[in-house]
Amino acid sequence: MILSAIVEKLKRQSKDDFKGRQFEAWLIIQAVSWYLRYPLSYRDLEGMFLERGFEVDHSTINRWVLAYAPLIEKRLRRIATPQYLQRSL
């Protein structure tokens, strides 16, 4: 899956970015990706993770989005092909 490849690449490139976080990098990236990709609120994501057995507060997801969305977007642009960038604009 493309998300797992992104997670692995992010882990290798910057281990310090997720250092000291209570949750693993894949969970943070999943939450941020879902928020950016789909019309979901932070409370929707909180409920979705709770259904999957992860207790994450909506304000935590908000902080993740503010902190990691620019980082993820920057790295995705770096590894994305030009065709993908043209289609997404």
C-alpha atoms as a PDB file:
ATOM      1  CA  MET A   1       0.000   0.000   0.000  1.00  0.00           C
ATOM      2  CA  ILE A   2       1.211   3.468  -0.807  1.00  0.00           C
ATOM      3  CA  LEU A   3       0.667   4.759   2.748  1.00  0.00           C
ATOM      4  CA  SER A   4       2.917   2.114   4.281  1.00  0.00           C
ATOM      5  CA  ALA A   5       5.637   2.980   1.766  1.00  0.00           C
ATOM      6  CA  ILE A   6       5.338   6.647   2.723  1.00  0.00           C
ATOM      7  CA  VAL A   7       5.504   5.768   6.423  1.00  0.00           C
ATOM      8  CA  GLU A   8       8.653   3.702   5.904  1.00  0.00           C
ATOM      9  CA  LYS A   9      10.275   6.443   3.838  1.00  0.00           C
ATOM     10  CA  LEU A  10       9.382   9.075   6.451  1.00  0.00           C
ATOM     11  CA  LYS A  11      10.757   6.880   9.233  1.00  0.00           C
ATOM     12  CA  ARG A  12      14.060   6.458   7.434  1.00  0.00           C
ATOM     13  CA  GLN A  13      14.398  10.114   6.460  1.00  0.00           C
ATOM     14  CA  SER A  14      13.577  11.671   9.792  1.00  0.00           C
ATOM     15  CA  LYS A  15      13.463   9.562  12.900  1.00  0.00           C
ATOM     16  CA  ASP A  16      13.526  12.693  15.038  1.00  0.00           C
ATOM     17  CA  ASP A  17      10.253  14.025  13.578  1.00  0.00           C
ATOM     18  CA  PHE A  18       8.215  11.469  15.528  1.00  0.00           C
ATOM     19  CA  LYS A  19      10.518  11.218  18.521  1.00  0.00           C
ATOM     20  CA  GLY A  20       8.801  11.549  21.877  1.00  0.00           C
ATOM     21  CA  ARG A  21       5.314  10.958  20.510  1.00  0.00           C
ATOM     22  CA  GLN A  22       2.922   8.726  22.413  1.00  0.00           C
ATOM     23  CA  PHE A  23       1.635   7.161  19.199  1.00  0.00           C
ATOM     24  CA  GLU A  24       3.543   5.458  16.410  1.00  0.00           C
ATOM     25  CA  ALA A  25       4.376   7.259  13.183  1.00  0.00           C
ATOM     26  CA  TRP A  26       1.995   5.191  11.044  1.00  0.00           C
ATOM     27  CA  LEU A  27      -0.983   6.209  13.203  1.00  0.00           C
ATOM     28  CA  ILE A  28      -0.089   9.886  13.017  1.00  0.00           C
ATOM     29  CA  ILE A  29       0.386   9.748   9.257  1.00  0.00           C
ATOM     30  CA  GLN A  30      -2.867   7.820   8.835  1.00  0.00           C
ATOM     31  CA  ALA A  31      -4.823  10.428  10.806  1.00  0.00           C
ATOM     32  CA  VAL A  32      -3.280  13.352   8.943  1.00  0.00           C
ATOM     33  CA  SER A  33      -3.754  11.657   5.574  1.00  0.00           C
ATOM     34  CA  TRP A  34      -7.424  10.888   6.222  1.00  0.00           C
ATOM     35  CA  TYR A  35      -8.061  14.422   7.432  1.00  0.00           C
ATOM     36  CA  LEU A  36      -6.455  15.979   4.380  1.00  0.00           C
ATOM     37  CA  ARG A  37      -7.917  13.569   1.858  1.00  0.00           C
ATOM     38  CA  TYR A  38     -11.522  13.178   3.014  1.00  0.00           C
ATOM     39  CA  PRO A  39     -14.104  15.643   4.397  1.00  0.00           C
ATOM     40  CA  LEU A  40     -13.771  14.417   7.984  1.00  0.00           C
ATOM     41  CA  SER A  41     -13.756  16.402  11.192  1.00  0.00           C
ATOM     42  CA  TYR A  42     -11.308  15.786  14.003  1.00  0.00           C
ATOM     43  CA  ARG A  43     -14.155  14.246  16.005  1.00  0.00           C
ATOM     44  CA  ASP A  44     -14.976  11.921  13.098  1.00  0.00           C
ATOM     45  CA  LEU A  45     -11.374  10.724  13.101  1.00  0.00           C
ATOM     46  CA  GLU A  46     -11.450  10.350  16.870  1.00  0.00           C
ATOM     47  CA  GLY A  47     -14.471   8.055  16.523  1.00  0.00           C
ATOM     48  CA  MET A  48     -12.918   6.081  13.677  1.00  0.00           C
ATOM     49  CA  PHE A  49      -9.780   5.397  15.677  1.00  0.00           C
ATOM     50  CA  LEU A  50     -11.806   4.504  18.756  1.00  0.00           C
ATOM     51  CA  GLU A  51     -13.673   1.890  16.692  1.00  0.00           C
ATOM     52  CA  ARG A  52     -10.280   0.435  15.776  1.00  0.00           C
ATOM     53  CA  GLY A  53      -9.094   0.332  19.380  1.00  0.00           C
ATOM     54  CA  PHE A  54      -6.980   3.498  19.495  1.00  0.00           C
ATOM     55  CA  GLU A  55      -7.967   6.199  21.938  1.00  0.00           C
ATOM     56  CA  VAL A  56      -6.881   9.469  20.337  1.00  0.00           C
ATOM     57  CA  ASP A  57      -8.381  12.811  21.326  1.00  0.00           C
ATOM     58  CA  HIS A  58      -9.594  15.144  18.569  1.00  0.00           C
ATOM     59  CA  SER A  59      -7.352  17.942  19.838  1.00  0.00           C
ATOM     60  CA  THR A  60      -4.339  15.632  19.472  1.00  0.00           C
ATOM     61  CA  ILE A  61      -5.298  14.965  15.858  1.00  0.00           C
ATOM     62  CA  ASN A  62      -5.578  18.733  15.352  1.00  0.00           C
ATOM     63  CA  ARG A  63      -2.024  19.194  16.648  1.00  0.00           C
ATOM     64  CA  TRP A  64      -0.799  16.398  14.375  1.00  0.00           C
ATOM     65  CA  VAL A  65      -2.386  18.021  11.341  1.00  0.00           C
ATOM     66  CA  LEU A  66      -0.862  21.396  12.177  1.00  0.00           C
ATOM     67  CA  ALA A  67       2.563  19.880  12.799  1.00  0.00           C
ATOM     68  CA  TYR A  68       2.810  17.163  10.163  1.00  0.00           C
ATOM     69  CA  ALA A  69       0.637  18.202   7.203  1.00  0.00           C
ATOM     70  CA  PRO A  70       3.272  20.592   5.804  1.00  0.00           C
ATOM     71  CA  LEU A  71       6.020  18.009   6.364  1.00  0.00           C
ATOM     72  CA  ILE A  72       4.054  15.216   4.666  1.00  0.00           C
ATOM     73  CA  GLU A  73       3.037  17.459   1.775  1.00  0.00           C
ATOM     74  CA  LYS A  74       6.624  18.578   1.236  1.00  0.00           C
ATOM     75  CA  ARG A  75       7.949  15.024   1.202  1.00  0.00           C
ATOM     76  CA  LEU A  76       5.134  13.747  -1.011  1.00  0.00           C
ATOM     77  CA  ARG A  77       5.899  16.449  -3.557  1.00  0.00           C
ATOM     78  CA  ARG A  78       9.550  15.401  -3.525  1.00  0.00           C
ATOM     79  CA  ILE A  79       8.811  11.715  -4.243  1.00  0.00           C
ATOM     80  CA  ALA A  80       5.766  12.224  -6.476  1.00  0.00           C
ATOM     81  CA  THR A  81       6.009  11.985 -10.229  1.00  0.00           C
ATOM     82  CA  PRO A  82       5.277  15.088 -12.312  1.00  0.00           C
ATOM     83  CA  GLN A  83       2.190  13.374 -13.810  1.00  0.00           C
ATOM     84  CA  TYR A  84       0.722  12.884 -10.334  1.00  0.00           C
ATOM     85  CA  LEU A  85       1.300  16.525  -9.460  1.00  0.00           C
ATOM     86  CA  GLN A  86      -0.346  17.712 -12.661  1.00  0.00           C
ATOM     87  CA  ARG A  87      -3.437  15.535 -12.064  1.00  0.00           C
ATOM     88  CA  SER A  88      -3.835  16.650  -8.443  1.00  0.00           C
ATOM     89  CA  LEU A  89      -3.795  20.390  -9.275  1.00  0.00           C
END
